[in-house]
Amino acid sequence: MFWKGPVFTKDGFTGKGIDLETCSIADALDGEEDGIIVPLFRNCHTHLGDTLARDEVPESLALAELVGPSGWKHKWLETNPAEASILAGMQEIIASGTGLVMDFREGGKAGLNVFPEMEYPGTLILLGRPEENEGLPGDNAGISSLTDVGDMAVEMVQQSRKRNGLVGIHHSENEHEEIQAIIDLKPDFLVHMCHATDDDLEAVRSAGISIVVCPRSNSYFGNLPPLTKMLELGIDVGFGTDNGMLCTANILDEIRFVRQEFDLVDLQQILSIACFGLDDMFNKDRTSTYSNLDQSGWVLLSRAAKDNFESVFSPNAEILGVRWRN
């Protein structure tokens, strides 16, 4: 069985469709197209545990008041079932054709354990953080910020490295924070970097550290990341949707917002980040199978405009089908 239509790759649109059995790209197919075909999306930063708080978020709270260590979000989490909230977020992930999700988990080992045992056909990466008097739960470390965890960050990074895990750190989200302490820790990626200077970004690029940006969530607090500069420098970038209580987990919603706010970034660059974000990070040892399109999954989108890119970014485009990766 085949899906017929233009296929998006790292080099742009090519081919006439894909073989749904092998996921190989076909150069010639007869008949009318089914739609536009793109690789599964990647959501490189989520907090799905607060998804069901979306209709309850108080207005006009500052970032620290809403999501800080003692903020409204954490009080909400104490009195509401995280598993149901995560399930709601994962339903958005699956419905939007997202084949990779990286979730920062609050609540230590218990926080990791509440992630529902559901049949998610994509790649799930959970980044944990310890509760008081607890070591790093799991293999991957999701650090809220160096300001929050202090000296414990070094221990978290060391524990993750011993387990061959990934390390991600929130940085310069709502105000500028010094970069050298971050560079010394050598994380795999940073999240947000809204108030990073050009020198900060140069240092991050030189250190081979990737960055995940979440423009919709950032804009809620009056921030935006310097995405154009990041791309000019050649930094490995991914998109995330951040807190489920602020934004849907749908990467199509995210890239349509990016298009609106960053008019100097062309549509091919934006779509490439949505589909291939953090490729450098995942493929540091050149053994990653996730970056191999023959082993990728695919999303079939309805055609909503004559131009392929305009069609993908149109709010009228719909997901017609998902072929999950091999």
Protein backbone atom coordinates (compact mmCIF):
# COMPACT_ATOMS: atom_id res chain seq x y z
CA MET A 1 0.00 0.00 0.00
CA PHE A 2 1.20 3.49 -0.82
CA TRP A 3 0.47 7.06 0.18
CA LYS A 4 0.76 9.24 -2.90
CA GLY A 5 1.98 12.81 -2.67
CA PRO A 6 5.12 14.94 -2.20
CA VAL A 7 7.40 13.66 0.59
CA PHE A 8 9.30 16.03 2.89
CA THR A 9 12.95 15.16 3.58
CA LYS A 10 15.99 17.06 4.88
CA ASP A 11 16.51 18.30 1.31
CA GLY A 12 12.93 19.51 0.85
CA PHE A 13 10.04 17.85 -0.93
CA THR A 14 10.82 14.94 -3.23
CA GLY A 15 9.34 11.80 -4.73
CA LYS A 16 5.76 10.84 -5.44
CA GLY A 17 4.84 8.96 -2.26
CA ILE A 18 5.93 6.31 0.22
CA ASP A 19 5.58 2.56 0.52
CA LEU A 20 3.70 2.11 3.80
CA GLU A 21 5.21 -1.33 4.34
CA THR A 22 8.87 -0.36 4.00
CA CYS A 23 8.60 3.43 4.51
CA SER A 24 10.77 3.89 1.41
CA ILE A 25 10.17 6.88 -0.86
CA ALA A 26 8.72 6.11 -4.29
CA ASP A 27 9.91 8.10 -7.31
CA ALA A 28 6.93 7.24 -9.52
CA LEU A 29 3.31 6.46 -8.67
CA ASP A 30 0.17 6.71 -10.78
CA GLY A 31 -3.10 8.30 -9.75
CA GLU A 32 -4.19 11.29 -7.72
CA GLU A 33 -2.28 12.28 -4.61
CA ASP A 34 -3.59 11.43 -1.16
CA GLY A 35 -2.07 14.50 0.45
CA ILE A 36 1.29 15.81 1.65
CA ILE A 37 3.64 13.46 3.50
CA VAL A 38 6.02 14.56 6.26
CA PRO A 39 8.08 12.60 8.81
CA LEU A 40 6.64 12.17 12.29
CA PHE A 41 6.99 15.32 14.34
CA ARG A 42 9.28 15.71 17.37
CA ASN A 43 8.16 17.42 20.56
CA CYS A 44 11.44 18.00 22.35
CA HIS A 45 10.16 19.60 25.56
CA THR A 46 6.91 18.96 27.41
CA HIS A 47 5.50 19.05 30.93
CA LEU A 48 2.44 16.87 30.33
CA GLY A 49 1.58 16.46 34.00
CA ASP A 50 -0.34 19.75 34.12
CA THR A 51 -2.33 19.31 30.90
CA LEU A 52 -5.70 19.12 32.65
CA ALA A 53 -5.02 22.42 34.42
CA ARG A 54 -5.45 24.27 31.10
CA ASP A 55 -8.89 25.65 31.97
CA GLU A 56 -7.92 26.59 35.53
CA VAL A 57 -4.76 28.66 35.09
CA PRO A 58 -5.14 32.02 36.89
CA GLU A 59 -4.61 35.09 34.78
CA SER A 60 -1.74 37.54 35.16
CA LEU A 61 0.60 35.36 37.23
CA ALA A 62 4.30 35.92 36.62
CA LEU A 63 6.39 32.97 35.48
CA ALA A 64 7.82 32.24 38.93
CA GLU A 65 4.36 32.50 40.50
CA LEU A 66 2.92 30.06 37.99
CA VAL A 67 5.62 27.44 37.38
CA GLY A 68 8.34 28.17 39.96
CA PRO A 69 9.24 25.63 42.69
CA SER A 70 6.47 26.92 45.00
CA GLY A 71 4.22 28.20 42.25
CA TRP A 72 0.58 27.57 41.38
CA LYS A 73 1.38 24.65 39.09
CA HIS A 74 3.07 22.62 41.83
CA LYS A 75 0.22 23.23 44.23
CA TRP A 76 -2.17 22.06 41.53
CA LEU A 77 -0.09 18.92 41.00
CA GLU A 78 -0.32 18.10 44.71
CA THR A 79 -4.11 17.85 44.58
CA ASN A 80 -4.82 16.52 41.09
CA PRO A 81 -4.14 13.12 39.49
CA ALA A 82 -1.01 13.42 37.35
CA GLU A 83 -1.69 10.19 35.46
CA ALA A 84 -4.99 11.43 34.02
CA SER A 85 -3.34 14.69 33.02
CA ILE A 86 -0.43 12.93 31.34
CA LEU A 87 -2.85 10.65 29.51
CA ALA A 88 -4.69 13.69 28.14
CA GLY A 89 -1.40 15.14 26.95
CA MET A 90 -0.33 11.89 25.34
CA GLN A 91 -3.62 11.73 23.48
CA GLU A 92 -2.75 15.12 21.93
CA ILE A 93 0.74 13.82 21.13
CA ILE A 94 -0.60 10.75 19.33
CA ALA A 95 -3.40 12.57 17.50
CA SER A 96 -0.91 15.12 16.14
CA GLY A 97 1.42 12.54 14.57
CA THR A 98 4.26 13.14 17.01
CA GLY A 99 6.77 10.30 17.00
CA LEU A 100 9.11 11.56 19.73
CA VAL A 101 8.30 13.29 23.00
CA MET A 102 10.73 14.44 25.68
CA ASP A 103 8.93 15.06 28.96
CA PHE A 104 10.43 16.76 32.02
CA ARG A 105 9.01 14.88 35.01
CA GLU A 106 8.44 16.48 38.36
CA GLY A 107 8.07 14.49 41.59
CA GLY A 108 11.15 12.28 41.66
CA LYS A 109 10.85 8.53 41.19
CA ALA A 110 7.13 8.68 41.92
CA GLY A 111 6.79 11.28 39.16
CA LEU A 112 8.31 8.90 36.63
CA ASN A 113 6.16 6.03 37.83
CA VAL A 114 2.87 7.87 37.27
CA PHE A 115 3.52 8.05 33.55
CA PRO A 116 0.80 5.77 32.29
CA GLU A 117 1.70 2.41 30.82
CA MET A 118 -0.01 3.17 27.56
CA GLU A 119 0.76 1.85 24.11
CA TYR A 120 2.52 4.90 22.71
CA PRO A 121 3.99 3.80 19.37
CA GLY A 122 6.59 6.56 19.30
CA THR A 123 9.83 7.25 21.19
CA LEU A 124 9.35 8.45 24.76
CA ILE A 125 12.19 10.11 26.67
CA LEU A 126 11.50 10.94 30.33
CA LEU A 127 13.85 13.34 32.08
CA GLY A 128 13.57 13.06 35.84
CA ARG A 129 14.52 15.21 38.78
CA PRO A 130 15.06 14.00 42.35
CA GLU A 131 12.91 14.84 45.31
CA GLU A 132 14.57 15.73 48.64
CA ASN A 133 17.02 13.03 49.86
CA GLU A 134 16.64 11.09 46.62
CA GLY A 135 19.09 10.32 43.84
CA LEU A 136 18.38 10.96 40.18
CA PRO A 137 15.35 8.88 39.16
CA GLY A 138 15.81 7.16 35.82
CA ASP A 139 18.66 7.65 33.39
CA ASN A 140 17.93 11.17 32.07
CA ALA A 141 18.17 14.43 34.01
CA GLY A 142 15.66 17.25 33.48
CA ILE A 143 16.96 20.19 35.52
CA SER A 144 14.56 23.08 36.16
CA SER A 145 17.41 25.61 36.39
CA LEU A 146 20.74 26.01 38.15
CA THR A 147 19.11 28.62 40.38
CA ASP A 148 16.60 26.03 41.59
CA VAL A 149 18.91 23.07 42.18
CA GLY A 150 22.24 24.72 43.00
CA ASP A 151 25.14 22.35 43.70
CA MET A 152 22.89 19.33 43.19
CA ALA A 153 23.14 19.90 39.42
CA VAL A 154 26.67 18.49 39.28
CA GLU A 155 25.58 15.28 41.00
CA MET A 156 22.54 14.93 38.74
CA VAL A 157 24.70 15.29 35.64
CA GLN A 158 27.25 12.79 36.91
CA GLN A 159 24.57 10.24 37.73
CA SER A 160 23.00 10.62 34.30
CA ARG A 161 26.34 10.28 32.52
CA LYS A 162 27.08 7.02 34.35
CA ARG A 163 23.79 5.67 32.95
CA ASN A 164 24.39 7.01 29.42
CA GLY A 165 21.40 9.32 29.85
CA LEU A 166 20.56 12.73 28.44
CA VAL A 167 20.85 15.98 30.39
CA GLY A 168 18.59 18.96 29.73
CA ILE A 169 18.54 22.26 31.65
CA HIS A 170 16.16 25.24 31.57
CA HIS A 171 18.19 28.42 31.14
CA SER A 172 17.67 32.16 30.62
CA GLU A 173 13.92 31.68 30.32
CA ASN A 174 12.59 34.84 31.96
CA GLU A 175 15.80 36.77 32.54
CA HIS A 176 19.43 36.55 31.55
CA GLU A 177 21.51 33.97 33.44
CA GLU A 178 25.26 33.52 33.22
CA ILE A 179 26.27 30.85 30.73
CA GLN A 180 29.68 29.61 31.93
CA ALA A 181 28.33 27.40 34.72
CA ILE A 182 26.09 25.74 32.13
CA ILE A 183 28.97 25.22 29.70
CA ASP A 184 31.01 23.61 32.50
CA LEU A 185 28.25 21.06 33.12
CA LYS A 186 28.22 20.02 29.44
CA PRO A 187 24.49 19.23 29.13
CA ASP A 188 23.13 17.74 25.94
CA PHE A 189 20.59 20.52 25.49
CA LEU A 190 19.23 23.71 27.00
CA VAL A 191 15.60 24.79 27.03
CA HIS A 192 14.27 28.29 26.24
CA MET A 193 17.32 30.66 26.17
CA CYS A 194 14.97 33.62 25.60
CA HIS A 195 17.37 36.10 27.19
CA ALA A 196 20.59 34.62 25.86
CA THR A 197 23.07 37.09 24.40
CA ASP A 198 24.90 36.56 21.12
CA ASP A 199 28.01 35.68 23.16
CA ASP A 200 25.99 33.11 25.10
CA LEU A 201 24.81 31.50 21.89
CA GLU A 202 28.34 31.48 20.46
CA ALA A 203 29.53 29.68 23.60
CA VAL A 204 26.71 27.15 23.37
CA ARG A 205 27.46 26.47 19.71
CA SER A 206 31.18 26.07 20.39
CA ALA A 207 30.41 23.60 23.18
CA GLY A 208 28.20 21.51 20.87
CA ILE A 209 25.12 21.98 23.05
CA SER A 210 21.68 21.84 21.45
CA ILE A 211 18.74 24.15 22.28
CA VAL A 212 14.99 23.50 22.50
CA VAL A 213 12.73 26.53 22.10
CA CYS A 214 9.05 26.78 23.06
CA PRO A 215 7.84 30.06 21.51
CA ARG A 216 4.11 29.77 22.33
CA SER A 217 4.79 29.11 26.00
CA ASN A 218 7.47 31.80 26.15
CA SER A 219 5.15 34.37 24.60
CA TYR A 220 2.62 33.78 27.38
CA PHE A 221 5.11 35.54 29.67
CA GLY A 222 6.16 38.17 27.13
CA ASN A 223 9.32 36.35 26.02
CA LEU A 224 10.57 34.98 22.71
CA PRO A 225 13.78 33.04 22.01
CA PRO A 226 16.39 34.46 19.57
CA LEU A 227 15.61 31.68 17.11
CA THR A 228 16.88 33.51 14.03
CA LYS A 229 20.30 34.02 15.61
CA MET A 230 20.45 30.40 16.76
CA LEU A 231 19.89 29.23 13.20
CA GLU A 232 22.39 31.73 11.77
CA LEU A 233 25.00 30.21 14.09
CA GLY A 234 24.13 26.68 13.05
CA ILE A 235 22.96 25.56 16.49
CA ASP A 236 21.11 22.24 16.62
CA VAL A 237 17.54 23.31 17.50
CA GLY A 238 14.36 21.48 18.46
CA PHE A 239 10.80 22.66 19.14
CA GLY A 240 8.83 21.93 22.29
CA THR A 241 5.38 22.82 23.55
CA ASP A 242 6.31 23.12 27.26
CA ASN A 243 3.55 23.12 29.88
CA GLY A 244 0.36 21.36 28.86
CA MET A 245 -1.65 23.86 30.89
CA LEU A 246 -0.48 26.69 28.60
CA CYS A 247 -0.31 25.12 25.14
CA THR A 248 -1.52 22.11 23.21
CA ALA A 249 1.07 19.38 22.62
CA ASN A 250 0.47 19.68 18.87
CA ILE A 251 3.66 20.62 17.01
CA LEU A 252 1.62 21.87 14.04
CA ASP A 253 0.19 24.53 16.35
CA GLU A 254 3.74 25.39 17.42
CA ILE A 255 5.20 25.77 13.93
CA ARG A 256 2.29 27.91 12.75
CA PHE A 257 3.02 30.25 15.65
CA VAL A 258 6.75 30.22 14.80
CA ARG A 259 5.92 31.20 11.24
CA GLN A 260 3.88 34.13 12.53
CA GLU A 261 6.55 35.42 14.93
CA PHE A 262 9.79 34.73 13.03
CA ASP A 263 9.33 36.01 9.50
CA LEU A 264 13.07 35.77 8.71
CA VAL A 265 13.02 31.99 9.15
CA ASP A 266 11.82 30.26 6.01
CA LEU A 267 9.18 27.56 6.06
CA GLN A 268 11.55 24.78 5.08
CA GLN A 269 13.76 25.56 8.09
CA ILE A 270 10.78 25.57 10.44
CA LEU A 271 9.38 22.30 9.12
CA SER A 272 12.85 20.71 9.25
CA ILE A 273 13.14 21.54 12.94
CA ALA A 274 9.67 20.12 13.59
CA CYS A 275 10.62 16.82 11.90
CA PHE A 276 14.39 16.54 12.44
CA GLY A 277 15.05 18.73 15.51
CA LEU A 278 18.00 17.74 17.73
CA ASP A 279 19.36 15.39 15.06
CA ASP A 280 22.93 16.37 15.96
CA MET A 281 22.31 15.53 19.61
CA PHE A 282 20.70 12.17 18.88
CA ASN A 283 23.39 11.25 16.37
CA LYS A 284 26.56 12.29 18.19
CA ASP A 285 27.98 8.78 17.95
CA ARG A 286 26.75 8.36 14.35
CA THR A 287 24.75 5.27 15.28
CA SER A 288 21.28 6.79 15.64
CA THR A 289 18.55 4.93 13.80
CA TYR A 290 15.99 7.64 14.49
CA SER A 291 17.60 9.89 11.87
CA ASN A 292 17.28 7.22 9.18
CA LEU A 293 14.25 8.04 7.04
CA ASP A 294 13.93 4.39 6.00
CA GLN A 295 13.14 3.66 9.66
CA SER A 296 11.06 6.76 10.23
CA GLY A 297 7.31 7.07 10.46
CA TRP A 298 5.18 9.44 8.42
CA VAL A 299 2.21 11.77 8.67
CA LEU A 300 -0.28 12.29 5.84
CA LEU A 301 -1.68 15.83 5.74
CA SER A 302 -4.56 17.04 3.62
CA ARG A 303 -3.71 19.52 0.89
CA ALA A 304 -4.93 22.96 1.90
CA ALA A 305 -2.94 25.11 -0.56
CA LYS A 306 -1.24 24.69 -3.94
CA ASP A 307 2.24 25.26 -2.51
CA ASN A 308 3.44 22.32 -0.40
CA PHE A 309 4.83 24.42 2.47
CA GLU A 310 1.87 26.77 2.52
CA SER A 311 -0.37 23.74 2.70
CA VAL A 312 1.41 22.26 5.74
CA PHE A 313 1.31 25.59 7.56
CA SER A 314 -2.31 26.28 6.72
CA PRO A 315 -4.68 26.09 9.71
CA ASN A 316 -7.04 24.20 7.39
CA ALA A 317 -4.64 21.28 6.90
CA GLU A 318 -5.76 18.11 8.67
CA ILE A 319 -3.96 14.91 9.64
CA LEU A 320 -5.42 12.12 7.51
CA GLY A 321 -3.22 9.29 8.67
CA VAL A 322 -0.12 8.30 10.66
CA ARG A 323 2.32 5.56 9.80
CA TRP A 324 4.33 4.94 12.99
CA ARG A 325 8.04 4.22 12.64
CA ASN A 326 9.49 0.74 12.24
